[in-house]
Protein backbone atom coordinates (compact mmCIF):
# COMPACT_ATOMS: atom_id res chain seq x y z
CA MET A 1 10.49 -10.74 -32.73
CA ARG A 2 7.46 -8.90 -34.13
CA VAL A 3 6.76 -11.74 -36.56
CA LYS A 4 6.74 -14.26 -33.69
CA LEU A 5 4.40 -12.03 -31.71
CA LEU A 6 2.08 -11.67 -34.71
CA ILE A 7 2.01 -15.44 -35.27
CA LEU A 8 1.33 -16.04 -31.59
CA MET A 9 -1.58 -13.57 -31.65
CA LEU A 10 -3.04 -15.26 -34.73
CA ILE A 11 -2.83 -18.65 -33.06
CA LEU A 12 -4.46 -17.33 -29.89
CA SER A 13 -7.29 -15.71 -31.81
CA PHE A 14 -7.89 -18.98 -33.66
CA VAL A 15 -7.99 -20.93 -30.40
CA VAL A 16 -10.41 -18.46 -28.83
CA SER A 17 -12.71 -18.58 -31.85
CA CYS A 18 -12.68 -22.39 -31.84
CA ALA A 19 -13.43 -22.47 -28.11
CA SER A 20 -16.76 -20.71 -28.65
CA GLU A 21 -17.95 -23.27 -31.27
CA PRO A 22 -18.57 -26.42 -29.12
CA THR A 23 -22.01 -25.29 -27.97
CA LYS A 24 -23.32 -25.66 -31.50
CA GLN A 25 -21.56 -28.98 -31.99
CA SER A 26 -22.66 -30.40 -28.63
CA THR A 27 -26.35 -29.88 -29.43
CA PHE A 28 -25.82 -31.59 -32.78
CA GLN A 29 -24.06 -34.53 -31.09
CA THR A 30 -26.83 -34.82 -28.49
CA GLN A 31 -29.40 -34.96 -31.25
CA LYS A 32 -27.44 -37.70 -33.07
CA VAL A 33 -27.08 -39.76 -29.87
CA SER A 34 -30.80 -39.53 -29.16
CA GLU A 35 -31.59 -40.69 -32.70
CA VAL A 36 -29.33 -43.70 -32.34
CA SER A 37 -30.62 -44.61 -28.89
CA GLU A 38 -34.17 -44.66 -30.21
CA GLY A 39 -33.20 -47.44 -32.60
CA GLU A 40 -33.04 -45.43 -35.78
CA GLY A 41 -29.97 -45.29 -37.95
CA PRO A 42 -27.10 -47.53 -38.99
CA PHE A 43 -26.04 -48.47 -35.43
CA ASN A 44 -29.12 -50.50 -34.65
CA TRP A 45 -27.11 -53.73 -34.83
CA TYR A 46 -24.89 -52.44 -32.03
CA TYR A 47 -27.74 -52.22 -29.58
CA GLU A 48 -29.35 -55.44 -30.72
CA SER A 49 -26.12 -57.43 -30.28
CA GLU A 50 -25.11 -55.88 -26.95
CA GLU A 51 -26.18 -58.86 -24.84
CA ARG A 52 -24.36 -61.36 -27.06
CA ARG A 53 -21.17 -59.25 -27.05
CA GLU A 54 -21.27 -59.03 -23.25
CA GLU A 55 -21.60 -62.82 -23.06
CA LEU A 56 -18.65 -63.35 -25.41
CA ASN A 57 -16.53 -60.85 -23.46
CA LYS A 58 -17.33 -62.70 -20.24
CA ILE A 59 -16.24 -66.02 -21.80
CA ARG A 60 -13.02 -64.45 -23.10
CA LEU A 61 -12.19 -62.93 -19.71
CA GLU A 62 -12.82 -66.24 -17.94
CA ARG A 63 -10.49 -68.01 -20.38
CA GLU A 64 -7.78 -65.39 -19.89
CA ASP A 65 -8.15 -65.63 -16.10
CA LYS A 66 -7.83 -69.42 -16.27
CA GLU A 67 -4.68 -69.18 -18.42
CA THR A 68 -3.18 -66.58 -16.08
CA LEU A 69 -3.94 -68.76 -13.06
CA GLU A 70 -2.36 -71.81 -14.73
CA GLU A 71 0.79 -69.81 -15.53
CA PHE A 72 0.95 -68.52 -11.95
CA GLU A 73 0.62 -72.06 -10.59
CA ARG A 74 3.39 -73.29 -12.92
CA LYS A 75 5.68 -70.47 -11.81
CA SER A 76 4.88 -71.16 -8.14
CA GLU A 77 5.60 -74.86 -8.47
CA LEU A 78 8.93 -74.22 -10.19
CA SER A 79 10.05 -71.27 -8.06
CA ASN A 80 12.28 -73.43 -5.82
CA VAL A 81 13.35 -76.01 -8.41
CA ARG A 82 17.02 -76.18 -9.37
CA ARG A 83 17.94 -78.01 -12.56
CA ILE A 84 21.10 -78.63 -14.51
CA ILE A 85 20.48 -78.49 -18.24
CA ASP A 86 23.38 -78.66 -20.69
CA ASN A 87 25.81 -78.18 -17.79
CA GLU A 88 24.06 -74.94 -16.75
CA LEU A 89 22.24 -74.43 -13.47
CA VAL A 90 18.65 -73.23 -13.97
CA ILE A 91 16.92 -71.93 -10.86
CA GLY A 92 13.15 -71.50 -10.79
CA TYR A 93 10.86 -70.83 -13.71
CA ASP A 94 12.39 -70.29 -17.14
CA LYS A 95 9.94 -69.20 -19.84
CA GLU A 96 11.81 -70.91 -22.68
CA LEU A 97 12.02 -74.23 -20.86
CA ASP A 98 8.75 -74.32 -18.94
CA ASP A 99 6.29 -72.71 -21.35
CA PRO A 100 4.02 -75.54 -22.59
CA ASP A 101 3.46 -73.74 -25.91
CA PHE A 102 7.17 -73.84 -26.71
CA LYS A 103 7.84 -76.29 -29.52
CA GLU A 104 11.22 -76.93 -31.11
CA VAL A 105 11.23 -77.20 -34.90
CA ASP A 106 13.91 -79.28 -36.66
């Protein structure tokens, strides 16, 4: 019991000592951020390419939205369809059957 209490006190003292350190680290981090934002340092490419990356992200999101909309429309069209395939009744959208990317390999 005393050993557990001793270990717990050591852990608490370590936590308390670490909690007082961030003020020194935060000023260092602020200084680093200001250096980078001024255009100095190895992250200059990041700020120079920001506009191009935003444009590419917009294109990617538009493509994903279009694909999602197409899948939604396919599911909506097939929601009330009943089919018999291999003597089994298939009702509505079935990913294996209706996914246009599905290709059977011999």
